Amino acid sequence: MGAAYFYHLTTASVEQTLPMLLEKSRAAGWVIEVRGADRGAMERLDHALWSGPPEGFLPHGLVGGDHDADQPILLTTGETAPNAPTCVMAVQGADVAPGEVTEAERVCILFDGHNGDAVAQARVQWKTLTDAGCSAQYWSQESGRWEKKAER
């Protein structure tokens, strides 16, 4: 049974935080789906990942390619991920169902702490998932480093 980790971003953007989480997830041997709500934003995220430093290269693809099932990291907008992910990372308020949390090794929900709508959406997701019995942790970077603030 997996757990949902909520990441409240206040000092770094998704584009800055995601590579660190992806690297750690790949080191754990997980296959990852990065799920967003907007195709254009996922294309920009794809470009940002390709433009990173060579020493931090993260092999990935944007859903719709010829080799989606083989991608260790696949960027989607909610369609069924053909790479059979063991970890789901939701950005841009993308929904995650309780069943996905229990089936995955880990679900990460990243949200912009400066965006009131994103914070409200994360609160709804927290309540939905924990009310369904999912294990969850809330992480904040308000102090300048990541700290676990709550666990359920």
C-alpha atoms as a PDB file:
ATOM      1  CA  MET A   1       0.000   0.000   0.000  1.00  0.00           C
ATOM      2  CA  GLY A   2       1.394   3.348  -1.051  1.00  0.00           C
ATOM      3  CA  ALA A   3       1.130   6.801   0.396  1.00  0.00           C
ATOM      4  CA  ALA A   4       0.391  10.290  -0.893  1.00  0.00           C
ATOM      5  CA  TYR A   5       3.067  12.902  -0.270  1.00  0.00           C
ATOM      6  CA  PHE A   6       1.878  16.497  -0.601  1.00  0.00           C
ATOM      7  CA  TYR A   7       4.614  19.009  -1.481  1.00  0.00           C
ATOM      8  CA  HIS A   8       3.688  22.629  -0.662  1.00  0.00           C
ATOM      9  CA  LEU A   9       5.998  24.655  -2.916  1.00  0.00           C
ATOM     10  CA  THR A  10       6.839  28.099  -1.551  1.00  0.00           C
ATOM     11  CA  THR A  11      10.502  28.720  -2.392  1.00  0.00           C
ATOM     12  CA  ALA A  12      10.950  26.650  -5.564  1.00  0.00           C
ATOM     13  CA  SER A  13       8.799  26.039  -8.635  1.00  0.00           C
ATOM     14  CA  VAL A  14       7.555  22.708  -9.953  1.00  0.00           C
ATOM     15  CA  GLU A  15      10.258  22.907 -12.649  1.00  0.00           C
ATOM     16  CA  GLN A  16      12.911  23.231  -9.929  1.00  0.00           C
ATOM     17  CA  THR A  17      11.471  20.639  -7.529  1.00  0.00           C
ATOM     18  CA  LEU A  18      10.330  17.932  -9.918  1.00  0.00           C
ATOM     19  CA  PRO A  19      13.802  16.847 -11.151  1.00  0.00           C
ATOM     20  CA  MET A  20      14.927  16.173  -7.565  1.00  0.00           C
ATOM     21  CA  LEU A  21      11.844  14.046  -6.865  1.00  0.00           C
ATOM     22  CA  LEU A  22      12.169  12.246 -10.197  1.00  0.00           C
ATOM     23  CA  GLU A  23      15.816  11.448  -9.531  1.00  0.00           C
ATOM     24  CA  LYS A  24      15.017  10.007  -6.088  1.00  0.00           C
ATOM     25  CA  SER A  25      12.103   8.019  -7.490  1.00  0.00           C
ATOM     26  CA  ARG A  26      14.219   6.566 -10.283  1.00  0.00           C
ATOM     27  CA  ALA A  27      16.914   5.664  -7.723  1.00  0.00           C
ATOM     28  CA  ALA A  28      14.200   3.679  -5.897  1.00  0.00           C
ATOM     29  CA  GLY A  29      13.579   1.795  -9.160  1.00  0.00           C
ATOM     30  CA  TRP A  30      10.137   3.269  -9.799  1.00  0.00           C
ATOM     31  CA  VAL A  31       8.503   3.901 -13.157  1.00  0.00           C
ATOM     32  CA  ILE A  32       6.860   7.322 -13.011  1.00  0.00           C
ATOM     33  CA  GLU A  33       3.878   9.093 -14.489  1.00  0.00           C
ATOM     34  CA  VAL A  34       3.972  12.882 -14.185  1.00  0.00           C
ATOM     35  CA  ARG A  35       0.327  13.888 -14.531  1.00  0.00           C
ATOM     36  CA  GLY A  36      -0.708  17.434 -15.346  1.00  0.00           C
ATOM     37  CA  ALA A  37      -3.973  19.087 -16.231  1.00  0.00           C
ATOM     38  CA  ASP A  38      -2.902  21.004 -19.337  1.00  0.00           C
ATOM     39  CA  ARG A  39      -1.148  19.660 -22.450  1.00  0.00           C
ATOM     40  CA  GLY A  40       0.657  22.945 -23.135  1.00  0.00           C
ATOM     41  CA  ALA A  41       2.062  23.082 -19.606  1.00  0.00           C
ATOM     42  CA  MET A  42       3.209  19.469 -19.905  1.00  0.00           C
ATOM     43  CA  GLU A  43       4.974  20.313 -23.174  1.00  0.00           C
ATOM     44  CA  ARG A  44       6.776  23.177 -21.394  1.00  0.00           C
ATOM     45  CA  LEU A  45       7.721  20.814 -18.555  1.00  0.00           C
ATOM     46  CA  ASP A  46       8.981  18.287 -21.121  1.00  0.00           C
ATOM     47  CA  HIS A  47      11.152  21.014 -22.669  1.00  0.00           C
ATOM     48  CA  ALA A  48      12.459  22.066 -19.233  1.00  0.00           C
ATOM     49  CA  LEU A  49      13.451  18.461 -18.432  1.00  0.00           C
ATOM     50  CA  TRP A  50      15.242  18.098 -21.787  1.00  0.00           C
ATOM     51  CA  SER A  51      17.026  21.423 -21.193  1.00  0.00           C
ATOM     52  CA  GLY A  52      18.465  20.464 -17.797  1.00  0.00           C
ATOM     53  CA  PRO A  53      22.157  19.865 -17.158  1.00  0.00           C
ATOM     54  CA  PRO A  54      23.576  16.763 -18.906  1.00  0.00           C
ATOM     55  CA  GLU A  55      24.775  15.264 -15.615  1.00  0.00           C
ATOM     56  CA  GLY A  56      21.193  15.378 -14.304  1.00  0.00           C
ATOM     57  CA  PHE A  57      19.509  14.001 -17.425  1.00  0.00           C
ATOM     58  CA  LEU A  58      16.230  12.222 -16.703  1.00  0.00           C
ATOM     59  CA  PRO A  59      15.096   9.916 -19.529  1.00  0.00           C
ATOM     60  CA  HIS A  60      11.442  10.665 -20.191  1.00  0.00           C
ATOM     61  CA  GLY A  61       8.796  11.171 -22.824  1.00  0.00           C
ATOM     62  CA  LEU A  62       5.582  13.072 -23.454  1.00  0.00           C
ATOM     63  CA  VAL A  63       2.568  10.807 -23.908  1.00  0.00           C
ATOM     64  CA  GLY A  64       1.704  10.185 -27.541  1.00  0.00           C
ATOM     65  CA  GLY A  65       5.132   8.981 -28.641  1.00  0.00           C
ATOM     66  CA  ASP A  66       6.068   5.687 -30.251  1.00  0.00           C
ATOM     67  CA  HIS A  67       7.723   4.316 -27.109  1.00  0.00           C
ATOM     68  CA  ASP A  68       5.367   5.429 -24.311  1.00  0.00           C
ATOM     69  CA  ALA A  69       5.250   1.963 -22.727  1.00  0.00           C
ATOM     70  CA  ASP A  70       9.051   1.919 -22.412  1.00  0.00           C
ATOM     71  CA  GLN A  71       9.443   5.345 -20.804  1.00  0.00           C
ATOM     72  CA  PRO A  72      10.788   5.332 -17.228  1.00  0.00           C
ATOM     73  CA  ILE A  73       9.155   8.774 -16.817  1.00  0.00           C
ATOM     74  CA  LEU A  74       6.069   9.633 -18.866  1.00  0.00           C
ATOM     75  CA  LEU A  75       4.383  13.046 -18.860  1.00  0.00           C
ATOM     76  CA  THR A  76       0.606  12.775 -19.308  1.00  0.00           C
ATOM     77  CA  THR A  77      -2.586  14.766 -18.929  1.00  0.00           C
ATOM     78  CA  GLY A  78      -4.581  12.058 -17.202  1.00  0.00           C
ATOM     79  CA  GLU A  79      -4.998   9.422 -19.875  1.00  0.00           C
ATOM     80  CA  THR A  80      -4.067   5.892 -18.903  1.00  0.00           C
ATOM     81  CA  ALA A  81      -0.285   5.794 -18.671  1.00  0.00           C
ATOM     82  CA  PRO A  82       1.018   2.952 -20.861  1.00  0.00           C
ATOM     83  CA  ASN A  83       4.315   2.781 -18.951  1.00  0.00           C
ATOM     84  CA  ALA A  84       2.601   1.041 -15.965  1.00  0.00           C
ATOM     85  CA  PRO A  85       3.787   3.563 -13.353  1.00  0.00           C
ATOM     86  CA  THR A  86       4.614   2.571  -9.794  1.00  0.00           C
ATOM     87  CA  CYS A  87       4.790   6.261  -8.829  1.00  0.00           C
ATOM     88  CA  VAL A  88       2.429   9.066  -9.858  1.00  0.00           C
ATOM     89  CA  MET A  89       3.445  12.721  -9.561  1.00  0.00           C
ATOM     90  CA  ALA A  90       0.507  15.099  -9.935  1.00  0.00           C
ATOM     91  CA  VAL A  91       1.113  18.741 -10.864  1.00  0.00           C
ATOM     92  CA  GLN A  92      -1.196  21.610 -11.882  1.00  0.00           C
ATOM     93  CA  GLY A  93      -4.018  20.260  -9.714  1.00  0.00           C
ATOM     94  CA  ALA A  94      -4.308  16.965 -11.603  1.00  0.00           C
ATOM     95  CA  ASP A  95      -6.588  14.532  -9.809  1.00  0.00           C
ATOM     96  CA  VAL A  96      -5.436  11.339  -8.134  1.00  0.00           C
ATOM     97  CA  ALA A  97      -7.960   8.707  -7.043  1.00  0.00           C
ATOM     98  CA  PRO A  98      -7.686   6.847  -3.717  1.00  0.00           C
ATOM     99  CA  GLY A  99      -7.275   3.547  -5.575  1.00  0.00           C
ATOM    100  CA  GLU A 100      -4.185   4.901  -7.308  1.00  0.00           C
ATOM    101  CA  VAL A 101      -2.601   5.684  -3.941  1.00  0.00           C
ATOM    102  CA  THR A 102      -3.186   2.179  -2.626  1.00  0.00           C
ATOM    103  CA  GLU A 103      -1.871   0.577  -5.838  1.00  0.00           C
ATOM    104  CA  ALA A 104       1.220   2.765  -6.266  1.00  0.00           C
ATOM    105  CA  GLU A 105       4.467   2.759  -4.343  1.00  0.00           C
ATOM    106  CA  ARG A 106       4.068   6.513  -3.948  1.00  0.00           C
ATOM    107  CA  VAL A 107       1.909   9.376  -5.140  1.00  0.00           C
ATOM    108  CA  CYS A 108       3.372  12.890  -5.008  1.00  0.00           C
ATOM    109  CA  ILE A 109       1.130  15.927  -5.243  1.00  0.00           C
ATOM    110  CA  LEU A 110       3.057  19.138  -5.917  1.00  0.00           C
ATOM    111  CA  PHE A 111       1.245  22.445  -5.538  1.00  0.00           C
ATOM    112  CA  ASP A 112       2.123  26.139  -5.654  1.00  0.00           C
ATOM    113  CA  GLY A 113       1.799  27.589  -2.159  1.00  0.00           C
ATOM    114  CA  HIS A 114       1.423  31.112  -3.605  1.00  0.00           C
ATOM    115  CA  ASN A 115      -1.671  30.160  -5.605  1.00  0.00           C
ATOM    116  CA  GLY A 116      -4.826  30.146  -3.475  1.00  0.00           C
ATOM    117  CA  ASP A 117      -6.706  27.910  -5.916  1.00  0.00           C
ATOM    118  CA  ALA A 118      -3.852  25.372  -5.907  1.00  0.00           C
ATOM    119  CA  VAL A 119      -3.770  25.336  -2.098  1.00  0.00           C
ATOM    120  CA  ALA A 120      -7.552  24.881  -1.943  1.00  0.00           C
ATOM    121  CA  GLN A 121      -7.368  22.023  -4.487  1.00  0.00           C
ATOM    122  CA  ALA A 122      -4.600  20.336  -2.457  1.00  0.00           C
ATOM    123  CA  ARG A 123      -6.748  20.573   0.683  1.00  0.00           C
ATOM    124  CA  VAL A 124      -9.633  18.894  -1.143  1.00  0.00           C
ATOM    125  CA  GLN A 125      -7.286  16.149  -2.383  1.00  0.00           C
ATOM    126  CA  TRP A 126      -5.865  15.650   1.141  1.00  0.00           C
ATOM    127  CA  LYS A 127      -9.370  15.274   2.598  1.00  0.00           C
ATOM    128  CA  THR A 128     -10.556  12.999  -0.208  1.00  0.00           C
ATOM    129  CA  LEU A 129      -7.563  10.691   0.065  1.00  0.00           C
ATOM    130  CA  THR A 130      -7.328  10.547   3.864  1.00  0.00           C
ATOM    131  CA  ASP A 131     -11.117  10.104   4.227  1.00  0.00           C
ATOM    132  CA  ALA A 132     -10.726   7.092   1.912  1.00  0.00           C
ATOM    133  CA  GLY A 133      -8.130   5.655   4.308  1.00  0.00           C
ATOM    134  CA  CYS A 134      -5.017   6.531   2.315  1.00  0.00           C
ATOM    135  CA  SER A 135      -1.805   7.264   4.162  1.00  0.00           C
ATOM    136  CA  ALA A 136      -0.638  10.832   3.533  1.00  0.00           C
ATOM    137  CA  GLN A 137       2.203  13.166   4.448  1.00  0.00           C
ATOM    138  CA  TYR A 138       2.390  16.931   4.100  1.00  0.00           C
ATOM    139  CA  TRP A 139       5.784  18.468   3.315  1.00  0.00           C
ATOM    140  CA  SER A 140       6.566  22.188   3.318  1.00  0.00           C
ATOM    141  CA  GLN A 141       9.602  24.167   2.243  1.00  0.00           C
ATOM    142  CA  GLU A 142       8.652  27.387   4.055  1.00  0.00           C
ATOM    143  CA  SER A 143      11.791  27.251   6.198  1.00  0.00           C
ATOM    144  CA  GLY A 144      13.986  26.978   3.099  1.00  0.00           C
ATOM    145  CA  ARG A 145      14.341  23.210   3.308  1.00  0.00           C
ATOM    146  CA  TRP A 146      11.838  20.371   3.144  1.00  0.00           C
ATOM    147  CA  GLU A 147      10.178  19.506   6.467  1.00  0.00           C
ATOM    148  CA  LYS A 148       7.406  17.025   7.183  1.00  0.00           C
ATOM    149  CA  LYS A 149       4.565  18.977   8.820  1.00  0.00           C
ATOM    150  CA  ALA A 150       1.765  16.396   9.061  1.00  0.00           C
ATOM    151  CA  GLU A 151       1.112  12.709   8.617  1.00  0.00           C
ATOM    152  CA  ARG A 152      -2.056  10.678   8.497  1.00  0.00           C
END
